[in-house]
Amino acid sequence: MKKNRISVLVLSVAFAATLALVIVGAAGVVGAMNEQQLQQLEDAQ
């Protein structure tokens, strides 16, 4: 029983870490896209 609980804990930690990486990656992509758009707006003016 105890061994099972430890594996669940490890799985949830791994899942949380993966989720955090996905969120950080998505935020980085969105930030880069916004910077490009701002650059294009500045160039247009």
Protein backbone atom coordinates (compact mmCIF):
# COMPACT_ATOMS: atom_id res chain seq x y z
CA MET A 1 0.00 0.00 0.00
CA LYS A 2 2.75 2.43 0.92
CA LYS A 3 4.65 1.69 -2.30
CA ASN A 4 1.53 2.52 -4.31
CA ARG A 5 1.12 5.87 -2.57
CA ILE A 6 4.73 6.82 -3.38
CA SER A 7 4.26 6.07 -7.08
CA VAL A 8 1.10 8.19 -7.14
CA LEU A 9 3.07 11.03 -5.54
CA VAL A 10 5.86 10.67 -8.12
CA LEU A 11 3.30 10.62 -10.95
CA SER A 12 1.54 13.74 -9.70
CA VAL A 13 4.85 15.58 -9.29
CA ALA A 14 5.89 14.58 -12.82
CA PHE A 15 2.49 15.66 -14.16
CA ALA A 16 2.73 19.02 -12.38
CA ALA A 17 6.24 19.59 -13.75
CA THR A 18 5.11 18.74 -17.29
CA LEU A 19 2.13 21.06 -16.96
CA ALA A 20 4.39 23.86 -15.70
CA LEU A 21 6.75 23.38 -18.66
CA VAL A 22 3.83 23.48 -21.12
CA ILE A 23 2.49 26.68 -19.54
CA VAL A 24 5.93 28.33 -19.55
CA GLY A 25 6.47 27.28 -23.18
CA ALA A 26 3.07 28.61 -24.26
CA ALA A 27 3.68 31.88 -22.40
CA GLY A 28 7.08 32.21 -24.12
CA VAL A 29 5.55 31.64 -27.57
CA VAL A 30 2.77 34.15 -26.93
CA GLY A 31 5.29 36.67 -25.60
CA ALA A 32 7.52 36.25 -28.67
CA MET A 33 4.52 36.67 -31.00
CA ASN A 34 3.43 39.84 -29.17
CA GLU A 35 6.96 41.25 -29.44
CA GLN A 36 7.01 40.58 -33.20
CA GLN A 37 3.64 42.31 -33.63
CA LEU A 38 4.84 45.32 -31.62
CA GLN A 39 7.97 45.45 -33.79
CA GLN A 40 5.84 45.40 -36.97
CA LEU A 41 3.61 48.20 -35.63
CA GLU A 42 6.67 50.32 -34.84
CA ASP A 43 8.09 49.67 -38.31
CA ALA A 44 4.78 50.66 -39.95
CA GLN A 45 4.77 54.04 -38.22
